[in-house]
PDB file of N, CA and C in Angstrom:
ATOM      1  N   UNK A   1    -174.279 -63.001 -22.704  1.00  0.00           N
ATOM      2  CA  UNK A   1    -173.790 -63.858 -21.645  1.00  0.00           C
ATOM      3  C   UNK A   1    -172.304 -63.605 -21.460  1.00  0.00           C
ATOM      4  N   UNK A   2    -171.915 -63.568 -20.216  1.00  0.00           N
ATOM      5  CA  UNK A   2    -170.492 -63.399 -19.916  1.00  0.00           C
ATOM      6  C   UNK A   2    -169.776 -64.740 -20.066  1.00  0.00           C
ATOM      7  N   UNK A   3    -168.474 -64.663 -20.280  1.00  0.00           N
ATOM      8  CA  UNK A   3    -167.689 -65.889 -20.392  1.00  0.00           C
ATOM      9  C   UNK A   3    -166.315 -65.689 -19.788  1.00  0.00           C
ATOM     10  N   UNK A   4    -165.658 -66.796 -19.509  1.00  0.00           N
ATOM     11  CA  UNK A   4    -164.274 -66.808 -19.069  1.00  0.00           C
ATOM     12  C   UNK A   4    -163.638 -68.056 -19.679  1.00  0.00           C
ATOM     13  N   UNK A   5    -162.341 -68.148 -19.556  1.00  0.00           N
ATOM     14  CA  UNK A   5    -161.637 -69.316 -20.107  1.00  0.00           C
ATOM     15  C   UNK A   5    -160.795 -69.963 -19.019  1.00  0.00           C
ATOM     16  N   UNK A   6    -160.684 -71.283 -19.102  1.00  0.00           N
ATOM     17  CA  UNK A   6    -159.797 -72.004 -18.191  1.00  0.00           C
ATOM     18  C   UNK A   6    -158.367 -71.862 -18.700  1.00  0.00           C
ATOM     19  N   UNK A   7    -157.411 -72.189 -17.847  1.00  0.00           N
ATOM     20  CA  UNK A   7    -156.012 -72.145 -18.285  1.00  0.00           C
ATOM     21  C   UNK A   7    -155.767 -73.179 -19.378  1.00  0.00           C
ATOM     22  N   UNK A   8    -156.485 -74.310 -19.314  1.00  0.00           N
ATOM     23  CA  UNK A   8    -156.348 -75.340 -20.363  1.00  0.00           C
ATOM     24  C   UNK A   8    -156.817 -74.803 -21.710  1.00  0.00           C
ATOM     25  N   UNK A   9    -157.930 -74.076 -21.704  1.00  0.00           N
ATOM     26  CA  UNK A   9    -158.455 -73.516 -22.947  1.00  0.00           C
ATOM     27  C   UNK A   9    -157.462 -72.503 -23.523  1.00  0.00           C
ATOM     28  N   UNK A  10    -156.938 -71.632 -22.670  1.00  0.00           N
ATOM     29  CA  UNK A  10    -155.976 -70.625 -23.137  1.00  0.00           C
ATOM     30  C   UNK A  10    -154.749 -71.293 -23.758  1.00  0.00           C
ATOM     31  N   UNK A  11    -154.277 -72.344 -23.126  1.00  0.00           N
ATOM     32  CA  UNK A  11    -153.119 -73.080 -23.654  1.00  0.00           C
ATOM     33  C   UNK A  11    -153.471 -73.742 -24.989  1.00  0.00           C
ATOM     34  N   UNK A  12    -154.669 -74.369 -25.039  1.00  0.00           N
ATOM     35  CA  UNK A  12    -155.103 -75.032 -26.273  1.00  0.00           C
ATOM     36  C   UNK A  12    -155.218 -74.045 -27.428  1.00  0.00           C
ATOM     37  N   UNK A  13    -155.768 -72.864 -27.171  1.00  0.00           N
ATOM     38  CA  UNK A  13    -155.944 -71.855 -28.228  1.00  0.00           C
ATOM     39  C   UNK A  13    -154.600 -71.443 -28.798  1.00  0.00           C
ATOM     40  N   UNK A  14    -153.619 -71.238 -27.927  1.00  0.00           N
ATOM     41  CA  UNK A  14    -152.281 -70.843 -28.400  1.00  0.00           C
ATOM     42  C   UNK A  14    -151.667 -71.898 -29.310  1.00  0.00           C
ATOM     43  N   UNK A  15    -152.032 -73.157 -29.112  1.00  0.00           N
ATOM     44  CA  UNK A  15    -151.486 -74.249 -29.930  1.00  0.00           C
ATOM     45  C   UNK A  15    -152.208 -74.410 -31.265  1.00  0.00           C
ATOM     46  N   UNK A  16    -153.407 -73.870 -31.375  1.00  0.00           N
ATOM     47  CA  UNK A  16    -154.156 -74.006 -32.629  1.00  0.00           C
ATOM     48  C   UNK A  16    -153.525 -73.162 -33.726  1.00  0.00           C
ATOM     49  N   UNK A  17    -153.478 -73.663 -34.940  1.00  0.00           N
ATOM     50  CA  UNK A  17    -153.053 -72.827 -36.063  1.00  0.00           C
ATOM     51  C   UNK A  17    -154.003 -71.627 -36.192  1.00  0.00           C
ATOM     52  N   UNK A  18    -153.487 -70.546 -36.696  1.00  0.00           N
ATOM     53  CA  UNK A  18    -154.265 -69.294 -36.811  1.00  0.00           C
ATOM     54  C   UNK A  18    -155.573 -69.501 -37.578  1.00  0.00           C
ATOM     55  N   UNK A  19    -155.549 -70.269 -38.668  1.00  0.00           N
ATOM     56  CA  UNK A  19    -156.775 -70.459 -39.440  1.00  0.00           C
ATOM     57  C   UNK A  19    -157.815 -71.259 -38.651  1.00  0.00           C
ATOM     58  N   UNK A  20    -157.388 -72.136 -37.752  1.00  0.00           N
ATOM     59  CA  UNK A  20    -158.326 -72.873 -36.904  1.00  0.00           C
ATOM     60  C   UNK A  20    -158.944 -71.932 -35.882  1.00  0.00           C
ATOM     61  N   UNK A  21    -158.123 -71.050 -35.315  1.00  0.00           N
ATOM     62  CA  UNK A  21    -158.638 -70.050 -34.376  1.00  0.00           C
ATOM     63  C   UNK A  21    -159.701 -69.191 -35.058  1.00  0.00           C
ATOM     64  N   UNK A  22    -159.419 -68.770 -36.275  1.00  0.00           N
ATOM     65  CA  UNK A  22    -160.360 -67.931 -37.014  1.00  0.00           C
ATOM     66  C   UNK A  22    -161.652 -68.683 -37.331  1.00  0.00           C
ATOM     67  N   UNK A  23    -161.549 -69.964 -37.659  1.00  0.00           N
ATOM     68  CA  UNK A  23    -162.742 -70.768 -37.938  1.00  0.00           C
ATOM     69  C   UNK A  23    -163.605 -70.893 -36.684  1.00  0.00           C
ATOM     70  N   UNK A  24    -162.977 -71.081 -35.535  1.00  0.00           N
ATOM     71  CA  UNK A  24    -163.713 -71.158 -34.275  1.00  0.00           C
ATOM     72  C   UNK A  24    -164.440 -69.846 -33.999  1.00  0.00           C
ATOM     73  N   UNK A  25    -163.736 -68.732 -34.119  1.00  0.00           N
ATOM     74  CA  UNK A  25    -164.350 -67.426 -33.859  1.00  0.00           C
ATOM     75  C   UNK A  25    -165.496 -67.136 -34.825  1.00  0.00           C
ATOM     76  N   UNK A  26    -165.334 -67.531 -36.063  1.00  0.00           N
ATOM     77  CA  UNK A  26    -166.402 -67.339 -37.046  1.00  0.00           C
ATOM     78  C   UNK A  26    -167.651 -68.137 -36.646  1.00  0.00           C
ATOM     79  N   UNK A  27    -167.457 -69.374 -36.223  1.00  0.00           N
ATOM     80  CA  UNK A  27    -168.583 -70.201 -35.778  1.00  0.00           C
ATOM     81  C   UNK A  27    -169.256 -69.579 -34.565  1.00  0.00           C
ATOM     82  N   UNK A  28    -168.463 -69.041 -33.640  1.00  0.00           N
ATOM     83  CA  UNK A  28    -169.048 -68.376 -32.475  1.00  0.00           C
ATOM     84  C   UNK A  28    -169.924 -67.211 -32.896  1.00  0.00           C
ATOM     85  N   UNK A  29    -169.379 -66.352 -33.733  1.00  0.00           N
ATOM     86  CA  UNK A  29    -170.119 -65.153 -34.154  1.00  0.00           C
ATOM     87  C   UNK A  29    -171.373 -65.483 -34.952  1.00  0.00           C
ATOM     88  N   UNK A  30    -171.250 -66.417 -35.875  1.00  0.00           N
ATOM     89  CA  UNK A  30    -172.353 -66.673 -36.803  1.00  0.00           C
ATOM     90  C   UNK A  30    -173.417 -67.630 -36.271  1.00  0.00           C
ATOM     91  N   UNK A  31    -173.033 -68.531 -35.352  1.00  0.00           N
ATOM     92  CA  UNK A  31    -173.988 -69.562 -34.940  1.00  0.00           C
ATOM     93  C   UNK A  31    -174.158 -69.694 -33.428  1.00  0.00           C
ATOM     94  N   UNK A  32    -173.053 -69.736 -32.682  1.00  0.00           N
ATOM     95  CA  UNK A  32    -173.138 -70.010 -31.251  1.00  0.00           C
ATOM     96  C   UNK A  32    -173.744 -68.835 -30.474  1.00  0.00           C
ATOM     97  N   UNK A  33    -173.194 -67.645 -30.642  1.00  0.00           N
ATOM     98  CA  UNK A  33    -173.703 -66.490 -29.897  1.00  0.00           C
ATOM     99  C   UNK A  33    -175.158 -66.165 -30.240  1.00  0.00           C
ATOM    100  N   UNK A  34    -175.546 -66.199 -31.520  1.00  0.00           N
ATOM    101  CA  UNK A  34    -176.974 -65.992 -31.812  1.00  0.00           C
ATOM    102  C   UNK A  34    -177.872 -67.051 -31.158  1.00  0.00           C
ATOM    103  N   UNK A  35    -177.390 -68.294 -31.071  1.00  0.00           N
ATOM    104  CA  UNK A  35    -178.180 -69.346 -30.427  1.00  0.00           C
ATOM    105  C   UNK A  35    -178.360 -69.057 -28.935  1.00  0.00           C
ATOM    106  N   UNK A  36    -177.299 -68.601 -28.294  1.00  0.00           N
ATOM    107  CA  UNK A  36    -177.389 -68.256 -26.872  1.00  0.00           C
ATOM    108  C   UNK A  36    -178.361 -67.097 -26.684  1.00  0.00           C
ATOM    109  N   UNK A  37    -178.220 -66.063 -27.502  1.00  0.00           N
ATOM    110  CA  UNK A  37    -179.123 -64.911 -27.408  1.00  0.00           C
ATOM    111  C   UNK A  37    -180.574 -65.318 -27.636  1.00  0.00           C
ATOM    112  N   UNK A  38    -180.773 -66.343 -28.459  1.00  0.00           N
ATOM    113  CA  UNK A  38    -182.118 -66.822 -28.754  1.00  0.00           C
ATOM    114  C   UNK A  38    -182.685 -67.755 -27.698  1.00  0.00           C
ATOM    115  N   UNK A  39    -181.878 -68.121 -26.705  1.00  0.00           N
ATOM    116  CA  UNK A  39    -182.374 -68.952 -25.625  1.00  0.00           C
ATOM    117  C   UNK A  39    -182.057 -70.427 -25.731  1.00  0.00           C
ATOM    118  N   UNK A  40    -181.032 -70.803 -26.484  1.00  0.00           N
ATOM    119  CA  UNK A  40    -180.732 -72.221 -26.697  1.00  0.00           C
ATOM    120  C   UNK A  40    -180.467 -72.984 -25.398  1.00  0.00           C
ATOM    121  N   UNK A  41    -179.924 -72.322 -24.380  1.00  0.00           N
ATOM    122  CA  UNK A  41    -179.682 -73.029 -23.119  1.00  0.00           C
ATOM    123  C   UNK A  41    -180.981 -73.446 -22.446  1.00  0.00           C
ATOM    124  N   UNK A  42    -182.072 -72.802 -22.787  1.00  0.00           N
ATOM    125  CA  UNK A  42    -183.358 -73.163 -22.194  1.00  0.00           C
ATOM    126  C   UNK A  42    -184.030 -74.287 -22.967  1.00  0.00           C
ATOM    127  N   UNK A  43    -183.525 -74.588 -24.157  1.00  0.00           N
ATOM    128  CA  UNK A  43    -184.103 -75.651 -24.972  1.00  0.00           C
ATOM    129  C   UNK A  43    -185.120 -75.155 -25.985  1.00  0.00           C
ATOM    130  N   UNK A  44    -185.462 -73.894 -25.924  1.00  0.00           N
ATOM    131  CA  UNK A  44    -186.424 -73.341 -26.879  1.00  0.00           C
ATOM    132  C   UNK A  44    -185.935 -71.979 -27.334  1.00  0.00           C
ATOM    133  N   UNK A  45    -185.437 -71.851 -28.512  1.00  0.00           N
ATOM    134  CA  UNK A  45    -185.289 -72.862 -29.549  1.00  0.00           C
ATOM    135  C   UNK A  45    -184.119 -73.789 -29.229  1.00  0.00           C
ATOM    136  N   UNK A  46    -184.058 -74.932 -29.891  1.00  0.00           N
ATOM    137  CA  UNK A  46    -182.929 -75.844 -29.647  1.00  0.00           C
ATOM    138  C   UNK A  46    -181.646 -75.287 -30.257  1.00  0.00           C
ATOM    139  N   UNK A  47    -180.532 -75.890 -29.873  1.00  0.00           N
ATOM    140  CA  UNK A  47    -179.244 -75.523 -30.466  1.00  0.00           C
ATOM    141  C   UNK A  47    -179.277 -75.812 -31.965  1.00  0.00           C
ATOM    142  N   UNK A  48    -178.603 -75.002 -32.778  1.00  0.00           N
ATOM    143  CA  UNK A  48    -178.493 -75.314 -34.208  1.00  0.00           C
ATOM    144  C   UNK A  48    -177.826 -76.681 -34.389  1.00  0.00           C
ATOM    145  N   UNK A  49    -178.389 -77.511 -35.214  1.00  0.00           N
ATOM    146  CA  UNK A  49    -177.848 -78.862 -35.396  1.00  0.00           C
ATOM    147  C   UNK A  49    -176.418 -78.836 -35.914  1.00  0.00           C
ATOM    148  N   UNK A  50    -176.042 -77.819 -36.660  1.00  0.00           N
ATOM    149  CA  UNK A  50    -174.686 -77.752 -37.209  1.00  0.00           C
ATOM    150  C   UNK A  50    -173.615 -77.650 -36.123  1.00  0.00           C
ATOM    151  N   UNK A  51    -173.983 -77.223 -34.909  1.00  0.00           N
ATOM    152  CA  UNK A  51    -173.019 -77.093 -33.819  1.00  0.00           C
ATOM    153  C   UNK A  51    -172.850 -78.389 -33.021  1.00  0.00           C
ATOM    154  N   UNK A  52    -173.788 -79.302 -33.173  1.00  0.00           N
ATOM    155  CA  UNK A  52    -173.761 -80.576 -32.451  1.00  0.00           C
ATOM    156  C   UNK A  52    -173.475 -80.387 -30.967  1.00  0.00           C
ATOM    157  N   UNK A  53    -174.130 -79.414 -30.346  1.00  0.00           N
ATOM    158  CA  UNK A  53    -173.965 -79.175 -28.916  1.00  0.00           C
ATOM    159  C   UNK A  53    -174.667 -80.300 -28.157  1.00  0.00           C
ATOM    160  N   UNK A  54    -173.937 -80.898 -27.234  1.00  0.00           N
ATOM    161  CA  UNK A  54    -174.521 -81.925 -26.386  1.00  0.00           C
ATOM    162  C   UNK A  54    -173.771 -81.977 -25.058  1.00  0.00           C
ATOM    163  N   UNK A  55    -174.440 -82.516 -24.083  1.00  0.00           N
ATOM    164  CA  UNK A  55    -173.842 -82.672 -22.763  1.00  0.00           C
ATOM    165  C   UNK A  55    -173.061 -83.977 -22.724  1.00  0.00           C
ATOM    166  N   UNK A  56    -171.841 -83.939 -22.195  1.00  0.00           N
ATOM    167  CA  UNK A  56    -171.044 -85.147 -22.074  1.00  0.00           C
ATOM    168  C   UNK A  56    -171.649 -86.014 -20.968  1.00  0.00           C
ATOM    169  N   UNK A  57    -171.771 -87.271 -21.228  1.00  0.00           N
ATOM    170  CA  UNK A  57    -172.442 -88.214 -20.336  1.00  0.00           C
ATOM    171  C   UNK A  57    -171.929 -88.119 -18.900  1.00  0.00           C
ATOM    172  N   UNK A  58    -172.863 -87.963 -17.981  1.00  0.00           N
ATOM    173  CA  UNK A  58    -172.534 -87.967 -16.564  1.00  0.00           C
ATOM    174  C   UNK A  58    -171.822 -86.730 -16.059  1.00  0.00           C
ATOM    175  N   UNK A  59    -171.858 -85.647 -16.835  1.00  0.00           N
ATOM    176  CA  UNK A  59    -171.164 -84.414 -16.433  1.00  0.00           C
ATOM    177  C   UNK A  59    -172.065 -83.203 -16.669  1.00  0.00           C
ATOM    178  N   UNK A  60    -171.587 -82.049 -16.238  1.00  0.00           N
ATOM    179  CA  UNK A  60    -172.248 -80.776 -16.532  1.00  0.00           C
ATOM    180  C   UNK A  60    -171.495 -80.054 -17.648  1.00  0.00           C
ATOM    181  N   UNK A  61    -170.678 -80.800 -18.389  1.00  0.00           N
ATOM    182  CA  UNK A  61    -169.843 -80.241 -19.460  1.00  0.00           C
ATOM    183  C   UNK A  61    -170.540 -80.437 -20.802  1.00  0.00           C
ATOM    184  N   UNK A  62    -170.546 -79.373 -21.588  1.00  0.00           N
ATOM    185  CA  UNK A  62    -171.113 -79.414 -22.930  1.00  0.00           C
ATOM    186  C   UNK A  62    -169.992 -79.492 -23.958  1.00  0.00           C
ATOM    187  N   UNK A  63    -170.323 -80.045 -25.100  1.00  0.00           N
ATOM    188  CA  UNK A  63    -169.395 -80.123 -26.218  1.00  0.00           C
ATOM    189  C   UNK A  63    -170.002 -79.387 -27.404  1.00  0.00           C
ATOM    190  N   UNK A  64    -169.153 -78.739 -28.166  1.00  0.00           N
ATOM    191  CA  UNK A  64    -169.531 -78.008 -29.367  1.00  0.00           C
ATOM    192  C   UNK A  64    -168.602 -78.445 -30.485  1.00  0.00           C
ATOM    193  N   UNK A  65    -169.149 -78.757 -31.644  1.00  0.00           N
ATOM    194  CA  UNK A  65    -168.323 -79.075 -32.804  1.00  0.00           C
ATOM    195  C   UNK A  65    -168.313 -77.843 -33.700  1.00  0.00           C
ATOM    196  N   UNK A  66    -167.145 -77.240 -33.866  1.00  0.00           N
ATOM    197  CA  UNK A  66    -167.057 -76.041 -34.700  1.00  0.00           C
ATOM    198  C   UNK A  66    -166.515 -76.334 -36.085  1.00  0.00           C
ATOM    199  N   UNK A  67    -166.034 -77.554 -36.300  1.00  0.00           N
ATOM    200  CA  UNK A  67    -165.598 -77.962 -37.631  1.00  0.00           C
ATOM    201  C   UNK A  67    -165.588 -79.484 -37.698  1.00  0.00           C
ATOM    202  N   UNK A  68    -166.063 -80.028 -38.804  1.00  0.00           N
ATOM    203  CA  UNK A  68    -166.129 -81.470 -38.949  1.00  0.00           C
ATOM    204  C   UNK A  68    -164.912 -82.050 -39.662  1.00  0.00           C
ATOM    205  N   UNK A  69    -164.304 -81.287 -40.522  1.00  0.00           N
ATOM    206  CA  UNK A  69    -163.159 -81.789 -41.283  1.00  0.00           C
ATOM    207  C   UNK A  69    -162.252 -80.617 -41.632  1.00  0.00           C
ATOM    208  N   UNK A  70    -160.982 -80.878 -41.530  1.00  0.00           N
ATOM    209  CA  UNK A  70    -159.985 -79.887 -41.927  1.00  0.00           C
ATOM    210  C   UNK A  70    -160.105 -78.534 -41.258  1.00  0.00           C
ATOM    211  N   UNK A  71    -160.074 -78.440 -39.959  1.00  0.00           N
ATOM    212  CA  UNK A  71    -159.712 -79.391 -38.918  1.00  0.00           C
ATOM    213  C   UNK A  71    -160.943 -80.044 -38.291  1.00  0.00           C
ATOM    214  N   UNK A  72    -160.688 -81.064 -37.511  1.00  0.00           N
ATOM    215  CA  UNK A  72    -161.707 -81.660 -36.653  1.00  0.00           C
ATOM    216  C   UNK A  72    -161.741 -80.760 -35.416  1.00  0.00           C
ATOM    217  N   UNK A  73    -162.691 -79.852 -35.346  1.00  0.00           N
ATOM    218  CA  UNK A  73    -162.690 -78.835 -34.295  1.00  0.00           C
ATOM    219  C   UNK A  73    -163.763 -79.028 -33.249  1.00  0.00           C
ATOM    220  N   UNK A  74    -163.338 -79.169 -32.001  1.00  0.00           N
ATOM    221  CA  UNK A  74    -164.252 -79.343 -30.876  1.00  0.00           C
ATOM    222  C   UNK A  74    -163.878 -78.361 -29.773  1.00  0.00           C
ATOM    223  N   UNK A  75    -164.858 -78.021 -28.951  1.00  0.00           N
ATOM    224  CA  UNK A  75    -164.610 -77.211 -27.761  1.00  0.00           C
ATOM    225  C   UNK A  75    -165.554 -77.687 -26.668  1.00  0.00           C
ATOM    226  N   UNK A  76    -165.105 -77.595 -25.420  1.00  0.00           N
ATOM    227  CA  UNK A  76    -165.964 -77.944 -24.299  1.00  0.00           C
ATOM    228  C   UNK A  76    -166.152 -76.722 -23.404  1.00  0.00           C
ATOM    229  N   UNK A  77    -167.297 -76.706 -22.733  1.00  0.00           N
ATOM    230  CA  UNK A  77    -167.627 -75.587 -21.857  1.00  0.00           C
ATOM    231  C   UNK A  77    -168.626 -76.037 -20.808  1.00  0.00           C
ATOM    232  N   UNK A  78    -168.779 -75.226 -19.772  1.00  0.00           N
ATOM    233  CA  UNK A  78    -169.821 -75.451 -18.778  1.00  0.00           C
ATOM    234  C   UNK A  78    -170.326 -74.095 -18.308  1.00  0.00           C
ATOM    235  N   UNK A  79    -171.415 -74.112 -17.581  1.00  0.00           N
ATOM    236  CA  UNK A  79    -171.976 -72.890 -17.007  1.00  0.00           C
ATOM    237  C   UNK A  79    -171.748 -72.893 -15.509  1.00  0.00           C
ATOM    238  N   UNK A  80    -171.483 -71.718 -14.972  1.00  0.00           N
ATOM    239  CA  UNK A  80    -171.416 -71.561 -13.523  1.00  0.00           C
ATOM    240  C   UNK A  80    -171.991 -70.200 -13.167  1.00  0.00           C
ATOM    241  N   UNK A  81    -172.324 -70.018 -11.917  1.00  0.00           N
ATOM    242  CA  UNK A  81    -172.875 -68.743 -11.465  1.00  0.00           C
ATOM    243  C   UNK A  81    -171.741 -67.763 -11.190  1.00  0.00           C
ATOM    244  N   UNK A  82    -171.907 -66.545 -11.685  1.00  0.00           N
ATOM    245  CA  UNK A  82    -170.940 -65.494 -11.415  1.00  0.00           C
ATOM    246  C   UNK A  82    -171.173 -64.909 -10.030  1.00  0.00           C
ATOM    247  N   UNK A  83    -170.360 -63.937  -9.641  1.00  0.00           N
ATOM    248  CA  UNK A  83    -170.487 -63.325  -8.312  1.00  0.00           C
ATOM    249  C   UNK A  83    -171.869 -62.718  -8.046  1.00  0.00           C
ATOM    250  N   UNK A  84    -172.519 -62.261  -9.105  1.00  0.00           N
ATOM    251  CA  UNK A  84    -173.845 -61.662  -8.953  1.00  0.00           C
ATOM    252  C   UNK A  84    -174.967 -62.666  -9.192  1.00  0.00           C
ATOM    253  N   UNK A  85    -174.601 -63.939  -9.368  1.00  0.00           N
ATOM    254  CA  UNK A  85    -175.596 -64.979  -9.599  1.00  0.00           C
ATOM    255  C   UNK A  85    -175.945 -65.200 -11.060  1.00  0.00           C
ATOM    256  N   UNK A  86    -175.498 -64.300 -11.931  1.00  0.00           N
ATOM    257  CA  UNK A  86    -175.772 -64.438 -13.366  1.00  0.00           C
ATOM    258  C   UNK A  86    -174.896 -65.557 -13.943  1.00  0.00           C
ATOM    259  N   UNK A  87    -175.406 -66.279 -14.948  1.00  0.00           N
ATOM    260  CA  UNK A  87    -174.615 -67.377 -15.517  1.00  0.00           C
ATOM    261  C   UNK A  87    -173.379 -66.879 -16.265  1.00  0.00           C
ATOM    262  N   UNK A  88    -172.309 -67.657 -16.141  1.00  0.00           N
ATOM    263  CA  UNK A  88    -171.053 -67.388 -16.839  1.00  0.00           C
ATOM    264  C   UNK A  88    -170.691 -68.659 -17.595  1.00  0.00           C
ATOM    265  N   UNK A  89    -170.411 -68.539 -18.869  1.00  0.00           N
ATOM    266  CA  UNK A  89    -169.970 -69.660 -19.680  1.00  0.00           C
ATOM    267  C   UNK A  89    -168.458 -69.793 -19.509  1.00  0.00           C
ATOM    268  N   UNK A  90    -168.001 -70.977 -19.157  1.00  0.00           N
ATOM    269  CA  UNK A  90    -166.568 -71.224 -18.953  1.00  0.00           C
ATOM    270  C   UNK A  90    -166.078 -72.140 -20.062  1.00  0.00           C
ATOM    271  N   UNK A  91    -165.223 -71.610 -20.927  1.00  0.00           N
ATOM    272  CA  UNK A  91    -164.606 -72.422 -21.972  1.00  0.00           C
ATOM    273  C   UNK A  91    -163.537 -73.270 -21.317  1.00  0.00           C
ATOM    274  N   UNK A  92    -163.578 -74.590 -21.534  1.00  0.00           N
ATOM    275  CA  UNK A  92    -162.688 -75.529 -20.860  1.00  0.00           C
ATOM    276  C   UNK A  92    -161.536 -76.016 -21.728  1.00  0.00           C
ATOM    277  N   UNK A  93    -161.839 -76.517 -22.927  1.00  0.00           N
ATOM    278  CA  UNK A  93    -160.836 -77.079 -23.837  1.00  0.00           C
ATOM    279  C   UNK A  93    -161.235 -76.752 -25.270  1.00  0.00           C
ATOM    280  N   UNK A  94    -160.251 -76.770 -26.174  1.00  0.00           N
ATOM    281  CA  UNK A  94    -160.511 -76.601 -27.604  1.00  0.00           C
ATOM    282  C   UNK A  94    -159.441 -77.383 -28.362  1.00  0.00           C
ATOM    283  N   UNK A  95    -159.851 -77.997 -29.456  1.00  0.00           N
ATOM    284  CA  UNK A  95    -158.902 -78.765 -30.265  1.00  0.00           C
ATOM    285  C   UNK A  95    -159.636 -79.807 -31.078  1.00  0.00           C
ATOM    286  N   UNK A  96    -159.055 -80.993 -31.151  1.00  0.00           N
ATOM    287  CA  UNK A  96    -159.661 -82.094 -31.903  1.00  0.00           C
ATOM    288  C   UNK A  96    -160.462 -82.977 -30.946  1.00  0.00           C
ATOM    289  N   UNK A  97    -160.945 -84.075 -31.477  1.00  0.00           N
ATOM    290  CA  UNK A  97    -161.702 -85.035 -30.681  1.00  0.00           C
ATOM    291  C   UNK A  97    -160.897 -85.502 -29.452  1.00  0.00           C
ATOM    292  N   UNK A  98    -159.594 -85.380 -29.489  1.00  0.00           N
ATOM    293  CA  UNK A  98    -158.723 -85.810 -28.384  1.00  0.00           C
ATOM    294  C   UNK A  98    -158.991 -85.046 -27.095  1.00  0.00           C
ATOM    295  N   UNK A  99    -159.608 -83.876 -27.140  1.00  0.00           N
ATOM    296  CA  UNK A  99    -159.874 -83.120 -25.913  1.00  0.00           C
ATOM    297  C   UNK A  99    -160.850 -83.858 -25.004  1.00  0.00           C
ATOM    298  N   UNK A 100    -161.604 -84.811 -25.555  1.00  0.00           N
ATOM    299  CA  UNK A 100    -162.573 -85.544 -24.747  1.00  0.00           C
ATOM    300  C   UNK A 100    -161.890 -86.454 -23.726  1.00  0.00           C
ATOM    301  N   UNK A 101    -160.598 -86.719 -23.872  1.00  0.00           N
ATOM    302  CA  UNK A 101    -159.880 -87.509 -22.877  1.00  0.00           C
ATOM    303  C   UNK A 101    -159.827 -86.781 -21.538  1.00  0.00           C
ATOM    304  N   UNK A 102    -159.761 -85.451 -21.593  1.00  0.00           N
ATOM    305  CA  UNK A 102    -159.768 -84.600 -20.390  1.00  0.00           C
ATOM    306  C   UNK A 102    -160.565 -83.340 -20.712  1.00  0.00           C
ATOM    307  N   UNK A 103    -161.911 -83.462 -20.746  1.00  0.00           N
ATOM    308  CA  UNK A 103    -162.739 -82.343 -21.219  1.00  0.00           C
ATOM    309  C   UNK A 103    -162.701 -81.143 -20.304  1.00  0.00           C
TER     310      UNK A 103
END
């Protein structure tokens, strides 16, 4: 799946400590990307429970928990159609639980 990042996400990533950035990337490689390849967006199979992926109430925005403690790591994303109609994952925000104020 193709992806892009919002300007907010790019800014948030630059503010994260290097070890937090690495923890996020590790979670993507080991759990998130394999789930997408396996069809998690279709619901079969479901998202790995360790990622706590869920849709934010009343929105088309999803939330992912990439760390529960030390740091409290969250990221938000949504899907949109690319120029060729294929889905594109758009990373919106990354950081702590505070990103939910403006996901």
